[in-house]
N, C-alpha and C. Protein backbone atom coordinates (compact mmCIF):
# COMPACT_ATOMS: atom_id res chain seq x y z
N MET A 1 -20.33 106.91 -22.92
CA MET A 1 -18.87 106.99 -22.90
C MET A 1 -18.30 105.94 -23.85
N ASP A 2 -17.48 106.39 -24.82
CA ASP A 2 -16.92 105.45 -25.79
C ASP A 2 -15.68 104.75 -25.21
N ILE A 3 -15.12 103.84 -25.99
CA ILE A 3 -14.02 103.00 -25.49
C ILE A 3 -12.80 103.83 -25.12
N LYS A 4 -12.51 104.86 -25.91
CA LYS A 4 -11.36 105.70 -25.62
C LYS A 4 -11.55 106.46 -24.30
N GLU A 5 -12.74 107.02 -24.11
CA GLU A 5 -13.03 107.74 -22.86
C GLU A 5 -12.94 106.80 -21.67
N GLN A 6 -13.42 105.57 -21.85
CA GLN A 6 -13.35 104.58 -20.77
C GLN A 6 -11.90 104.29 -20.39
N ALA A 7 -11.04 104.19 -21.40
CA ALA A 7 -9.62 103.92 -21.15
C ALA A 7 -8.97 105.09 -20.41
N LEU A 8 -9.32 106.31 -20.81
CA LEU A 8 -8.77 107.50 -20.15
C LEU A 8 -9.25 107.60 -18.71
N LEU A 9 -10.53 107.36 -18.50
CA LEU A 9 -11.07 107.39 -17.14
C LEU A 9 -10.39 106.34 -16.26
N LYS A 10 -10.20 105.15 -16.81
CA LYS A 10 -9.54 104.07 -16.05
C LYS A 10 -8.11 104.46 -15.70
N HIS A 11 -7.43 105.17 -16.60
CA HIS A 11 -6.06 105.61 -16.35
C HIS A 11 -5.99 106.52 -15.12
N TYR A 12 -6.86 107.52 -15.07
CA TYR A 12 -6.83 108.46 -13.94
C TYR A 12 -7.38 107.81 -12.67
N TYR A 13 -8.35 106.93 -12.82
CA TYR A 13 -8.87 106.18 -11.67
C TYR A 13 -7.76 105.32 -11.06
N ASP A 14 -6.97 104.65 -11.90
CA ASP A 14 -5.87 103.82 -11.40
C ASP A 14 -4.83 104.66 -10.67
N LYS A 15 -4.58 105.88 -11.16
CA LYS A 15 -3.63 106.76 -10.48
C LYS A 15 -4.16 107.15 -9.09
N LEU A 16 -5.45 107.35 -8.99
CA LEU A 16 -6.05 107.67 -7.70
C LEU A 16 -5.94 106.48 -6.75
N CYS A 17 -6.10 105.28 -7.29
CA CYS A 17 -6.04 104.07 -6.47
C CYS A 17 -4.61 103.72 -6.04
N ASP A 18 -3.63 103.96 -6.92
CA ASP A 18 -2.26 103.55 -6.59
C ASP A 18 -1.42 104.66 -5.95
N GLY A 19 -2.06 105.82 -5.68
CA GLY A 19 -1.38 106.87 -4.93
C GLY A 19 -0.46 107.76 -5.73
N THR A 20 -0.66 107.84 -7.04
CA THR A 20 0.19 108.71 -7.88
C THR A 20 -0.59 109.89 -8.47
N PHE A 21 -1.77 110.15 -7.95
CA PHE A 21 -2.70 111.17 -8.44
C PHE A 21 -2.27 112.55 -7.93
N ASP A 22 -2.40 113.60 -8.79
CA ASP A 22 -2.19 114.97 -8.35
C ASP A 22 -3.26 115.87 -8.98
N GLU A 23 -3.13 117.20 -8.78
CA GLU A 23 -4.19 118.09 -9.22
C GLU A 23 -4.37 118.13 -10.73
N LYS A 24 -3.30 117.92 -11.48
CA LYS A 24 -3.43 117.90 -12.95
C LYS A 24 -4.26 116.70 -13.38
N ASP A 25 -4.08 115.58 -12.70
CA ASP A 25 -4.92 114.40 -12.97
C ASP A 25 -6.36 114.70 -12.56
N GLY A 26 -6.53 115.45 -11.48
CA GLY A 26 -7.86 115.78 -10.99
C GLY A 26 -8.69 116.53 -12.01
N TYR A 27 -8.05 117.44 -12.73
CA TYR A 27 -8.76 118.22 -13.75
C TYR A 27 -9.28 117.31 -14.86
N ALA A 28 -8.42 116.45 -15.36
CA ALA A 28 -8.80 115.54 -16.44
C ALA A 28 -9.84 114.52 -15.96
N PHE A 29 -9.65 114.01 -14.75
CA PHE A 29 -10.58 113.03 -14.17
C PHE A 29 -11.99 113.63 -14.07
N LEU A 30 -12.09 114.87 -13.60
CA LEU A 30 -13.39 115.53 -13.49
C LEU A 30 -14.06 115.71 -14.84
N LEU A 31 -13.27 116.09 -15.83
CA LEU A 31 -13.80 116.29 -17.18
C LEU A 31 -14.42 115.00 -17.71
N LEU A 32 -13.77 113.87 -17.43
CA LEU A 32 -14.25 112.58 -17.92
C LEU A 32 -15.44 112.06 -17.12
N ILE A 33 -15.42 112.27 -15.80
CA ILE A 33 -16.48 111.70 -14.96
C ILE A 33 -17.76 112.52 -15.03
N ARG A 34 -17.64 113.79 -15.42
CA ARG A 34 -18.79 114.70 -15.41
C ARG A 34 -19.98 114.16 -16.20
N SER A 35 -19.72 113.67 -17.39
CA SER A 35 -20.81 113.22 -18.26
C SER A 35 -21.51 111.97 -17.74
N GLN A 36 -20.89 111.30 -16.77
CA GLN A 36 -21.47 110.07 -16.24
C GLN A 36 -22.28 110.31 -14.96
N CYS A 37 -22.24 111.56 -14.46
CA CYS A 37 -22.93 111.88 -13.21
C CYS A 37 -24.40 112.23 -13.44
N ASP A 38 -25.20 112.04 -12.41
CA ASP A 38 -26.56 112.54 -12.45
C ASP A 38 -26.54 114.06 -12.60
N LYS A 39 -27.54 114.62 -13.24
CA LYS A 39 -27.57 116.05 -13.55
C LYS A 39 -27.42 116.93 -12.31
N ASN A 40 -28.04 116.51 -11.20
CA ASN A 40 -28.03 117.34 -10.00
C ASN A 40 -27.03 116.87 -8.94
N SER A 41 -26.11 116.02 -9.31
CA SER A 41 -25.16 115.49 -8.33
C SER A 41 -24.10 116.52 -7.95
N CYS A 42 -23.54 116.37 -6.76
CA CYS A 42 -22.50 117.31 -6.33
C CYS A 42 -21.25 117.20 -7.20
N ILE A 43 -20.97 116.03 -7.74
CA ILE A 43 -19.80 115.86 -8.60
C ILE A 43 -19.99 116.64 -9.90
N ARG A 44 -21.19 116.62 -10.43
CA ARG A 44 -21.50 117.41 -11.64
C ARG A 44 -21.32 118.90 -11.35
N GLU A 45 -21.82 119.35 -10.21
CA GLU A 45 -21.69 120.76 -9.83
C GLU A 45 -20.22 121.14 -9.68
N LEU A 46 -19.44 120.30 -9.01
CA LEU A 46 -18.01 120.59 -8.82
C LEU A 46 -17.27 120.62 -10.15
N ALA A 47 -17.61 119.69 -11.02
CA ALA A 47 -16.97 119.65 -12.34
C ALA A 47 -17.31 120.90 -13.14
N ASP A 48 -18.57 121.32 -13.11
CA ASP A 48 -18.97 122.53 -13.82
C ASP A 48 -18.24 123.75 -13.27
N PHE A 49 -18.10 123.82 -11.95
CA PHE A 49 -17.41 124.94 -11.32
C PHE A 49 -15.94 124.98 -11.74
N VAL A 50 -15.31 123.82 -11.78
CA VAL A 50 -13.91 123.74 -12.20
C VAL A 50 -13.74 124.19 -13.64
N MET A 51 -14.63 123.76 -14.52
CA MET A 51 -14.51 124.08 -15.94
C MET A 51 -14.89 125.54 -16.25
N GLN A 52 -15.90 126.06 -15.57
CA GLN A 52 -16.42 127.39 -15.90
C GLN A 52 -15.82 128.50 -15.04
N ARG A 53 -15.34 128.17 -13.86
CA ARG A 53 -14.70 129.10 -12.93
C ARG A 53 -15.58 130.33 -12.66
N ASP A 54 -15.12 131.54 -12.92
CA ASP A 54 -15.91 132.72 -12.54
C ASP A 54 -17.18 132.88 -13.38
N ARG A 55 -17.32 132.10 -14.46
CA ARG A 55 -18.54 132.16 -15.28
C ARG A 55 -19.65 131.24 -14.75
N TYR A 56 -19.30 130.42 -13.75
CA TYR A 56 -20.23 129.43 -13.19
C TYR A 56 -21.34 130.13 -12.38
N ASN A 57 -22.58 129.61 -12.52
CA ASN A 57 -23.72 130.21 -11.81
C ASN A 57 -24.62 129.15 -11.16
N GLY A 58 -24.04 128.03 -10.76
CA GLY A 58 -24.84 126.95 -10.20
C GLY A 58 -24.97 126.98 -8.68
N HIS A 59 -25.20 125.77 -8.13
CA HIS A 59 -25.51 125.61 -6.70
C HIS A 59 -24.38 126.12 -5.79
N ILE A 60 -23.13 125.91 -6.19
CA ILE A 60 -22.01 126.31 -5.33
C ILE A 60 -21.98 127.83 -5.18
N LYS A 61 -22.19 128.54 -6.27
CA LYS A 61 -22.23 130.01 -6.19
C LYS A 61 -23.42 130.47 -5.35
N GLU A 62 -24.55 129.79 -5.49
CA GLU A 62 -25.71 130.12 -4.67
C GLU A 62 -25.40 129.93 -3.19
N HIS A 63 -24.67 128.86 -2.86
CA HIS A 63 -24.28 128.60 -1.48
C HIS A 63 -23.36 129.71 -0.94
N ILE A 64 -22.41 130.14 -1.76
CA ILE A 64 -21.50 131.21 -1.35
C ILE A 64 -22.27 132.49 -1.08
N PHE A 65 -23.23 132.83 -1.93
CA PHE A 65 -24.00 134.06 -1.74
C PHE A 65 -24.98 133.94 -0.57
N ALA A 66 -25.47 132.72 -0.32
CA ALA A 66 -26.34 132.51 0.86
C ALA A 66 -25.52 132.69 2.14
N SER A 67 -24.28 132.23 2.13
CA SER A 67 -23.39 132.41 3.29
C SER A 67 -23.09 133.89 3.48
N ARG A 68 -22.85 134.59 2.38
CA ARG A 68 -22.61 136.05 2.43
C ARG A 68 -23.78 136.76 3.09
N LYS A 69 -24.99 136.35 2.71
CA LYS A 69 -26.19 137.00 3.25
C LYS A 69 -26.30 136.80 4.76
N LYS A 70 -25.83 135.64 5.26
CA LYS A 70 -25.85 135.39 6.71
C LYS A 70 -24.99 136.40 7.44
N PHE A 71 -23.84 136.72 6.87
CA PHE A 71 -22.96 137.70 7.51
C PHE A 71 -23.58 139.10 7.49
N GLU A 72 -24.36 139.38 6.45
CA GLU A 72 -24.99 140.70 6.36
C GLU A 72 -26.11 140.87 7.39
N GLN A 73 -26.55 139.73 7.98
CA GLN A 73 -27.60 139.79 8.99
C GLN A 73 -27.06 139.99 10.40
N ILE A 74 -25.73 139.96 10.56
CA ILE A 74 -25.13 140.16 11.88
C ILE A 74 -25.50 141.55 12.40
N GLY A 75 -25.99 141.57 13.62
CA GLY A 75 -26.44 142.84 14.21
C GLY A 75 -27.91 143.13 13.96
N LYS A 76 -28.49 142.41 12.99
CA LYS A 76 -29.90 142.61 12.68
C LYS A 76 -30.76 141.51 13.30
N THR A 77 -30.11 140.44 13.74
CA THR A 77 -30.81 139.32 14.35
C THR A 77 -29.96 138.76 15.48
N LYS A 78 -30.61 138.14 16.46
CA LYS A 78 -29.90 137.56 17.59
C LYS A 78 -29.43 136.14 17.32
N ALA A 79 -29.91 135.57 16.23
CA ALA A 79 -29.58 134.18 15.91
C ALA A 79 -28.10 134.05 15.54
N ALA A 80 -27.45 133.00 16.06
CA ALA A 80 -26.06 132.72 15.70
C ALA A 80 -26.00 132.23 14.26
N ILE A 81 -24.93 132.60 13.54
CA ILE A 81 -24.81 132.13 12.16
C ILE A 81 -23.95 130.87 12.12
N ARG A 82 -24.26 130.01 11.20
CA ARG A 82 -23.51 128.78 11.01
C ARG A 82 -23.20 128.63 9.53
N ILE A 83 -21.94 128.46 9.21
CA ILE A 83 -21.51 128.31 7.82
C ILE A 83 -21.02 126.88 7.61
N ASN A 84 -21.64 126.17 6.71
CA ASN A 84 -21.27 124.79 6.40
C ASN A 84 -20.57 124.71 5.05
N ASP A 85 -19.79 123.64 4.86
CA ASP A 85 -19.23 123.37 3.53
C ASP A 85 -20.36 123.21 2.52
N VAL A 86 -20.09 123.55 1.28
CA VAL A 86 -21.13 123.42 0.25
C VAL A 86 -21.53 121.96 0.08
N PHE A 87 -20.56 121.05 0.16
CA PHE A 87 -20.84 119.61 0.15
C PHE A 87 -19.99 118.95 1.23
N THR A 88 -20.56 117.99 1.93
CA THR A 88 -19.80 117.28 2.96
C THR A 88 -18.94 116.19 2.33
N PHE A 89 -17.96 115.73 3.09
CA PHE A 89 -17.13 114.60 2.66
C PHE A 89 -18.02 113.41 2.30
N LYS A 90 -19.01 113.15 3.13
CA LYS A 90 -19.91 112.00 2.93
C LYS A 90 -20.67 112.12 1.61
N GLU A 91 -21.15 113.33 1.30
CA GLU A 91 -21.89 113.55 0.04
C GLU A 91 -20.99 113.31 -1.16
N ILE A 92 -19.78 113.86 -1.13
CA ILE A 92 -18.87 113.70 -2.26
C ILE A 92 -18.49 112.24 -2.44
N LYS A 93 -18.17 111.56 -1.34
CA LYS A 93 -17.81 110.14 -1.40
C LYS A 93 -18.95 109.31 -1.99
N SER A 94 -20.16 109.55 -1.51
CA SER A 94 -21.32 108.78 -1.97
C SER A 94 -21.58 108.97 -3.46
N GLU A 95 -21.57 110.23 -3.92
CA GLU A 95 -21.87 110.51 -5.33
C GLU A 95 -20.76 110.04 -6.26
N LEU A 96 -19.51 110.23 -5.84
CA LEU A 96 -18.40 109.79 -6.69
C LEU A 96 -18.38 108.28 -6.80
N ASN A 97 -18.55 107.58 -5.70
CA ASN A 97 -18.52 106.12 -5.74
C ASN A 97 -19.72 105.54 -6.49
N LYS A 98 -20.86 106.21 -6.41
CA LYS A 98 -22.04 105.77 -7.19
C LYS A 98 -21.74 105.88 -8.68
N THR A 99 -21.13 106.98 -9.09
CA THR A 99 -20.80 107.20 -10.50
C THR A 99 -19.76 106.19 -10.97
N LEU A 100 -18.75 105.94 -10.15
CA LEU A 100 -17.72 104.96 -10.51
C LEU A 100 -18.31 103.56 -10.63
N ALA A 101 -19.22 103.22 -9.73
CA ALA A 101 -19.87 101.91 -9.80
C ALA A 101 -20.67 101.76 -11.09
N ASP A 102 -21.31 102.86 -11.52
CA ASP A 102 -22.05 102.84 -12.79
C ASP A 102 -21.10 102.63 -13.98
N CYS A 103 -19.82 102.98 -13.78
CA CYS A 103 -18.79 102.79 -14.82
C CYS A 103 -18.03 101.48 -14.62
N GLN A 104 -18.56 100.61 -13.77
CA GLN A 104 -17.95 99.30 -13.47
C GLN A 104 -16.56 99.43 -12.84
N LEU A 105 -16.39 100.45 -11.99
CA LEU A 105 -15.15 100.65 -11.26
C LEU A 105 -15.42 100.53 -9.78
N ALA A 106 -14.46 99.95 -9.05
CA ALA A 106 -14.63 99.73 -7.61
C ALA A 106 -14.66 101.05 -6.85
N VAL A 107 -15.31 101.05 -5.71
CA VAL A 107 -15.44 102.27 -4.91
C VAL A 107 -14.09 102.67 -4.32
N LEU A 108 -13.95 103.96 -4.03
CA LEU A 108 -12.73 104.52 -3.44
C LEU A 108 -12.87 104.56 -1.92
N ASN A 109 -11.72 104.43 -1.23
CA ASN A 109 -11.75 104.51 0.22
C ASN A 109 -11.64 105.97 0.68
N ASN A 110 -11.70 106.19 1.99
CA ASN A 110 -11.72 107.55 2.52
C ASN A 110 -10.47 108.35 2.15
N GLU A 111 -9.30 107.74 2.20
CA GLU A 111 -8.08 108.47 1.89
C GLU A 111 -8.04 108.86 0.41
N GLN A 112 -8.49 107.98 -0.47
CA GLN A 112 -8.53 108.30 -1.90
C GLN A 112 -9.52 109.43 -2.19
N ILE A 113 -10.64 109.43 -1.50
CA ILE A 113 -11.60 110.54 -1.62
C ILE A 113 -10.98 111.83 -1.11
N ASN A 114 -10.23 111.75 -0.02
CA ASN A 114 -9.60 112.93 0.55
C ASN A 114 -8.57 113.53 -0.41
N VAL A 115 -7.83 112.67 -1.11
CA VAL A 115 -6.89 113.13 -2.13
C VAL A 115 -7.65 113.87 -3.23
N PHE A 116 -8.75 113.30 -3.68
CA PHE A 116 -9.57 113.92 -4.72
C PHE A 116 -10.06 115.30 -4.29
N ILE A 117 -10.56 115.43 -3.07
CA ILE A 117 -11.07 116.71 -2.58
C ILE A 117 -9.92 117.72 -2.42
N THR A 118 -8.78 117.26 -1.94
CA THR A 118 -7.61 118.13 -1.79
C THR A 118 -7.21 118.72 -3.14
N CYS A 119 -7.19 117.89 -4.16
CA CYS A 119 -6.86 118.38 -5.51
C CYS A 119 -7.91 119.37 -6.02
N LEU A 120 -9.18 119.10 -5.72
CA LEU A 120 -10.25 120.01 -6.10
C LEU A 120 -10.06 121.40 -5.47
N ILE A 121 -9.73 121.39 -4.19
CA ILE A 121 -9.52 122.65 -3.47
C ILE A 121 -8.41 123.46 -4.14
N SER A 122 -7.33 122.79 -4.50
CA SER A 122 -6.21 123.48 -5.14
C SER A 122 -6.61 124.01 -6.52
N ILE A 123 -7.33 123.22 -7.28
CA ILE A 123 -7.76 123.64 -8.63
C ILE A 123 -8.65 124.88 -8.56
N LEU A 124 -9.46 124.98 -7.52
CA LEU A 124 -10.45 126.06 -7.43
C LEU A 124 -9.91 127.34 -6.78
N GLN A 125 -8.67 127.31 -6.30
CA GLN A 125 -8.11 128.54 -5.72
C GLN A 125 -7.98 129.63 -6.80
N GLN A 126 -8.15 130.86 -6.36
CA GLN A 126 -8.03 132.05 -7.21
C GLN A 126 -9.23 132.30 -8.14
N VAL A 127 -10.29 131.50 -8.03
CA VAL A 127 -11.50 131.77 -8.80
C VAL A 127 -12.14 133.05 -8.27
N LYS A 128 -12.46 133.96 -9.18
CA LYS A 128 -13.09 135.22 -8.79
C LYS A 128 -14.59 135.01 -8.54
N ILE A 129 -15.11 135.71 -7.55
CA ILE A 129 -16.54 135.70 -7.26
C ILE A 129 -17.13 136.97 -7.85
N MET A 130 -17.97 136.80 -8.86
CA MET A 130 -18.51 137.93 -9.61
C MET A 130 -20.00 138.11 -9.32
N VAL A 131 -20.46 139.35 -9.45
CA VAL A 131 -21.87 139.64 -9.25
C VAL A 131 -22.32 140.70 -10.24
N ASN A 132 -23.58 140.58 -10.68
CA ASN A 132 -24.22 141.62 -11.49
C ASN A 132 -25.15 142.41 -10.58
N GLU A 133 -24.96 143.69 -10.49
CA GLU A 133 -25.74 144.53 -9.58
C GLU A 133 -26.54 145.59 -10.32
N ASP A 134 -27.72 145.90 -9.77
CA ASP A 134 -28.56 146.99 -10.29
C ASP A 134 -28.91 146.80 -11.76
N GLY A 135 -29.06 145.53 -12.16
CA GLY A 135 -29.45 145.26 -13.54
C GLY A 135 -28.37 145.50 -14.56
N SER A 136 -27.15 145.75 -14.11
CA SER A 136 -26.05 146.03 -15.03
C SER A 136 -25.64 144.77 -15.77
N ALA A 137 -25.26 144.92 -17.02
CA ALA A 137 -24.79 143.77 -17.80
C ALA A 137 -23.36 143.41 -17.43
N ALA A 138 -22.65 144.38 -16.86
CA ALA A 138 -21.25 144.16 -16.49
C ALA A 138 -21.16 143.50 -15.11
N SER A 139 -20.24 142.56 -14.96
CA SER A 139 -20.02 141.88 -13.68
C SER A 139 -18.95 142.62 -12.89
N ARG A 140 -19.08 142.57 -11.58
CA ARG A 140 -18.10 143.18 -10.69
C ARG A 140 -17.53 142.12 -9.75
N GLU A 141 -16.22 142.14 -9.57
CA GLU A 141 -15.58 141.19 -8.66
C GLU A 141 -15.80 141.64 -7.22
N ILE A 142 -16.38 140.75 -6.39
CA ILE A 142 -16.60 141.08 -4.98
C ILE A 142 -15.88 140.11 -4.05
N GLY A 143 -15.14 139.19 -4.64
CA GLY A 143 -14.43 138.24 -3.79
C GLY A 143 -13.62 137.25 -4.61
N LYS A 144 -13.00 136.32 -3.88
CA LYS A 144 -12.16 135.33 -4.54
C LYS A 144 -12.03 134.11 -3.63
N LEU A 145 -11.72 132.98 -4.22
CA LEU A 145 -11.47 131.75 -3.47
C LEU A 145 -9.97 131.56 -3.28
N PHE A 146 -9.59 131.12 -2.08
CA PHE A 146 -8.18 130.94 -1.76
C PHE A 146 -7.92 129.58 -1.13
N PHE A 147 -6.70 129.10 -1.31
CA PHE A 147 -6.23 127.87 -0.66
C PHE A 147 -5.83 128.22 0.76
N ALA A 148 -6.25 127.41 1.72
CA ALA A 148 -5.86 127.60 3.11
C ALA A 148 -5.52 126.25 3.72
N VAL A 149 -4.60 126.26 4.71
CA VAL A 149 -4.20 125.02 5.35
C VAL A 149 -3.91 125.27 6.82
N SER A 150 -4.38 124.35 7.65
CA SER A 150 -4.06 124.36 9.07
C SER A 150 -3.40 123.02 9.39
N GLN A 151 -3.11 122.82 10.65
CA GLN A 151 -2.48 121.56 11.03
C GLN A 151 -3.37 120.36 10.70
N LYS A 152 -4.68 120.55 10.80
CA LYS A 152 -5.61 119.43 10.63
C LYS A 152 -6.36 119.44 9.30
N GLN A 153 -6.49 120.61 8.67
CA GLN A 153 -7.38 120.70 7.51
C GLN A 153 -6.76 121.43 6.33
N ILE A 154 -7.25 121.09 5.14
CA ILE A 154 -7.00 121.84 3.91
C ILE A 154 -8.35 122.41 3.50
N ILE A 155 -8.38 123.71 3.22
CA ILE A 155 -9.67 124.40 3.10
C ILE A 155 -9.70 125.29 1.85
N LEU A 156 -10.82 125.25 1.15
CA LEU A 156 -11.09 126.24 0.11
C LEU A 156 -11.85 127.37 0.79
N MET A 157 -11.21 128.53 0.91
CA MET A 157 -11.79 129.67 1.61
C MET A 157 -12.33 130.70 0.64
N ALA A 158 -13.48 131.24 0.95
CA ALA A 158 -14.03 132.37 0.20
C ALA A 158 -13.77 133.65 0.99
N GLU A 159 -13.20 134.64 0.33
CA GLU A 159 -13.14 135.99 0.89
C GLU A 159 -14.06 136.85 0.04
N ILE A 160 -15.05 137.47 0.69
CA ILE A 160 -16.09 138.16 -0.07
C ILE A 160 -16.54 139.43 0.63
N GLU A 161 -16.89 140.40 -0.16
CA GLU A 161 -17.37 141.69 0.35
C GLU A 161 -18.80 141.56 0.86
N VAL A 162 -19.05 142.13 2.06
CA VAL A 162 -20.42 142.18 2.59
C VAL A 162 -20.74 143.61 2.98
N SER A 163 -22.02 143.94 2.89
CA SER A 163 -22.49 145.28 3.25
C SER A 163 -23.10 145.22 4.64
N GLN A 164 -22.57 146.03 5.56
CA GLN A 164 -23.14 146.10 6.91
C GLN A 164 -24.24 147.15 6.99
N ASN A 165 -24.14 148.15 6.14
CA ASN A 165 -25.20 149.14 5.95
C ASN A 165 -24.97 149.80 4.59
N PHE A 166 -25.69 150.86 4.32
CA PHE A 166 -25.57 151.49 3.00
C PHE A 166 -24.20 152.11 2.77
N LEU A 167 -23.51 152.46 3.87
CA LEU A 167 -22.25 153.17 3.74
C LEU A 167 -21.03 152.32 4.00
N LYS A 168 -21.18 151.29 4.79
CA LYS A 168 -20.03 150.53 5.25
C LYS A 168 -19.99 149.12 4.65
N LYS A 169 -18.84 148.77 4.07
CA LYS A 169 -18.62 147.43 3.54
C LYS A 169 -17.35 146.86 4.16
N THR A 170 -17.33 145.54 4.31
CA THR A 170 -16.14 144.88 4.83
C THR A 170 -16.01 143.52 4.16
N ASN A 171 -14.89 142.85 4.36
CA ASN A 171 -14.68 141.52 3.80
C ASN A 171 -14.76 140.46 4.89
N VAL A 172 -15.37 139.34 4.57
CA VAL A 172 -15.41 138.21 5.49
C VAL A 172 -14.79 136.99 4.80
N VAL A 173 -14.32 136.06 5.61
CA VAL A 173 -13.69 134.85 5.09
C VAL A 173 -14.41 133.65 5.71
N PHE A 174 -14.76 132.65 4.87
CA PHE A 174 -15.42 131.46 5.39
C PHE A 174 -15.11 130.25 4.50
N PRO A 175 -15.22 129.04 5.06
CA PRO A 175 -14.88 127.83 4.29
C PRO A 175 -15.98 127.44 3.31
N VAL A 176 -15.55 126.90 2.18
CA VAL A 176 -16.47 126.40 1.16
C VAL A 176 -16.36 124.88 1.02
N LEU A 177 -15.14 124.37 1.12
CA LEU A 177 -14.88 122.94 0.96
C LEU A 177 -13.68 122.58 1.85
N THR A 178 -13.72 121.39 2.46
CA THR A 178 -12.70 121.02 3.43
C THR A 178 -12.24 119.57 3.22
N ALA A 179 -10.93 119.35 3.41
CA ALA A 179 -10.34 118.02 3.41
C ALA A 179 -9.43 117.89 4.62
N ASN A 180 -9.07 116.68 4.97
CA ASN A 180 -8.12 116.46 6.06
C ASN A 180 -6.70 116.73 5.57
N ASN A 181 -5.91 117.38 6.40
CA ASN A 181 -4.51 117.61 6.05
C ASN A 181 -3.68 116.41 6.50
N ASN A 182 -3.52 115.47 5.59
CA ASN A 182 -2.70 114.28 5.85
C ASN A 182 -1.34 114.37 5.15
N TYR A 183 -0.99 115.57 4.65
CA TYR A 183 0.12 115.66 3.72
C TYR A 183 1.21 116.67 4.10
N SER A 184 0.94 117.54 5.04
CA SER A 184 1.93 118.57 5.38
C SER A 184 1.95 118.79 6.88
N ASP A 185 3.14 118.79 7.45
CA ASP A 185 3.31 119.00 8.88
C ASP A 185 3.37 120.50 9.16
N ILE A 186 2.20 121.08 9.40
CA ILE A 186 2.07 122.53 9.59
C ILE A 186 2.01 122.84 11.09
N LYS A 187 2.79 123.80 11.52
CA LYS A 187 2.74 124.24 12.91
C LYS A 187 1.49 125.09 13.13
N LYS A 188 0.80 124.88 14.24
CA LYS A 188 -0.37 125.68 14.55
C LYS A 188 -0.01 127.16 14.69
N GLN A 189 -0.85 128.02 14.11
CA GLN A 189 -0.66 129.47 14.29
C GLN A 189 -1.02 129.89 15.70
N ASP A 190 -2.05 129.25 16.26
CA ASP A 190 -2.55 129.59 17.58
C ASP A 190 -3.31 128.38 18.13
N ARG A 191 -3.88 128.54 19.31
CA ARG A 191 -4.58 127.41 19.94
C ARG A 191 -5.85 127.02 19.20
N PHE A 192 -6.34 127.91 18.33
CA PHE A 192 -7.54 127.61 17.54
C PHE A 192 -7.20 126.91 16.22
N ASP A 193 -5.91 126.75 15.94
CA ASP A 193 -5.45 126.18 14.67
C ASP A 193 -6.00 126.98 13.49
N THR A 194 -5.92 128.31 13.61
CA THR A 194 -6.35 129.21 12.53
C THR A 194 -5.56 128.90 11.26
N PRO A 195 -6.24 128.68 10.13
CA PRO A 195 -5.52 128.29 8.91
C PRO A 195 -4.67 129.40 8.32
N TYR A 196 -3.59 129.00 7.66
CA TYR A 196 -2.79 129.92 6.86
C TYR A 196 -3.54 130.13 5.54
N LEU A 197 -3.74 131.38 5.16
CA LEU A 197 -4.49 131.72 3.95
C LEU A 197 -3.51 132.22 2.89
N PHE A 198 -3.50 131.56 1.72
CA PHE A 198 -2.57 131.93 0.65
C PHE A 198 -3.30 132.82 -0.35
N VAL A 199 -3.13 134.12 -0.16
CA VAL A 199 -3.82 135.11 -0.99
C VAL A 199 -3.03 135.41 -2.25
N ASP A 200 -1.74 135.62 -2.11
CA ASP A 200 -0.91 136.01 -3.24
C ASP A 200 -0.17 134.83 -3.87
N GLU A 201 0.07 133.78 -3.09
CA GLU A 201 0.77 132.61 -3.62
C GLU A 201 -0.22 131.61 -4.22
N VAL A 202 0.19 130.95 -5.30
CA VAL A 202 -0.63 129.89 -5.91
C VAL A 202 -0.02 128.55 -5.50
N VAL A 203 -0.76 127.83 -4.70
CA VAL A 203 -0.31 126.53 -4.18
C VAL A 203 -0.57 125.46 -5.23
N GLU A 204 0.29 124.44 -5.27
CA GLU A 204 0.09 123.31 -6.18
C GLU A 204 0.14 122.01 -5.39
N ILE A 205 -0.78 121.11 -5.70
CA ILE A 205 -0.77 119.77 -5.10
C ILE A 205 -0.04 118.84 -6.06
N MET A 206 1.14 118.40 -5.62
CA MET A 206 2.00 117.57 -6.45
C MET A 206 2.12 116.16 -5.84
N ASN A 207 2.59 115.25 -6.65
CA ASN A 207 2.80 113.88 -6.17
C ASN A 207 4.25 113.50 -6.43
N HIS A 208 4.95 113.16 -5.37
CA HIS A 208 6.36 112.79 -5.49
C HIS A 208 6.55 111.37 -4.98
N GLU A 209 6.77 110.47 -5.93
CA GLU A 209 7.01 109.05 -5.61
C GLU A 209 5.91 108.47 -4.73
N GLY A 210 4.67 108.76 -5.10
CA GLY A 210 3.54 108.19 -4.39
C GLY A 210 3.13 108.94 -3.13
N LYS A 211 3.72 110.09 -2.89
CA LYS A 211 3.38 110.89 -1.71
C LYS A 211 2.85 112.24 -2.15
N LEU A 212 1.64 112.58 -1.68
CA LEU A 212 1.03 113.86 -2.03
C LEU A 212 1.74 114.97 -1.26
N GLU A 213 2.05 116.07 -1.96
CA GLU A 213 2.78 117.17 -1.33
C GLU A 213 2.10 118.50 -1.68
N ILE A 214 2.14 119.42 -0.71
CA ILE A 214 1.62 120.78 -0.93
C ILE A 214 2.81 121.66 -1.28
N SER A 215 2.85 122.10 -2.53
CA SER A 215 3.98 122.93 -3.00
C SER A 215 3.59 124.40 -2.93
N ILE A 216 4.35 125.16 -2.10
CA ILE A 216 4.11 126.57 -1.91
C ILE A 216 5.26 127.36 -2.50
N PRO A 217 5.02 128.29 -3.43
CA PRO A 217 6.10 129.06 -4.02
C PRO A 217 6.98 129.74 -2.95
N GLY A 218 8.28 129.65 -3.14
CA GLY A 218 9.20 130.28 -2.21
C GLY A 218 9.60 129.42 -1.05
N GLU A 219 9.02 128.21 -0.97
CA GLU A 219 9.39 127.30 0.12
C GLU A 219 10.08 126.05 -0.41
């Protein structure tokens, strides 16, 4: 990393530390931090996914398709299915702080990491999930990622087509990445705190005078 890149990284890092960071900063921050990460780190994978979007074919896409396969086994096995986030909060915090330490920058606290993940979730909404089937060179869209929010959580949700048999297909929804909702006072939909899923609206994570805000079109 040359001197100019170091200065740019420090600029976005300082915004994260002083509470003025938003999703636009998140995109630039990821671009700069990517080259400093270990090849197989979760931060590298997240950065690649952000930059490549539906063209991405790494670990995160593999995780989404592995989760899809679990749903396709319903009715064929008695085992309960469990869907986990692709990376945990702890994993992201550990890898990001390790990379920052290698760049001679102090580690981030839990709230700063949560802001970073929240911005990531917003950046990744509306990414198409593509698949090549039957050896075809053409890709087909079988799903998409959406922004979702409940009273307690901000979630990157995958909605994806699954085959229950040769004739019947349906869509399932499951979480890919999760952050704490410390930014919006959302009323619970029900006693389960089922998240609101924004399929048609594009949500933006903005920062207003040092306060992170979830901006929803029409509200």
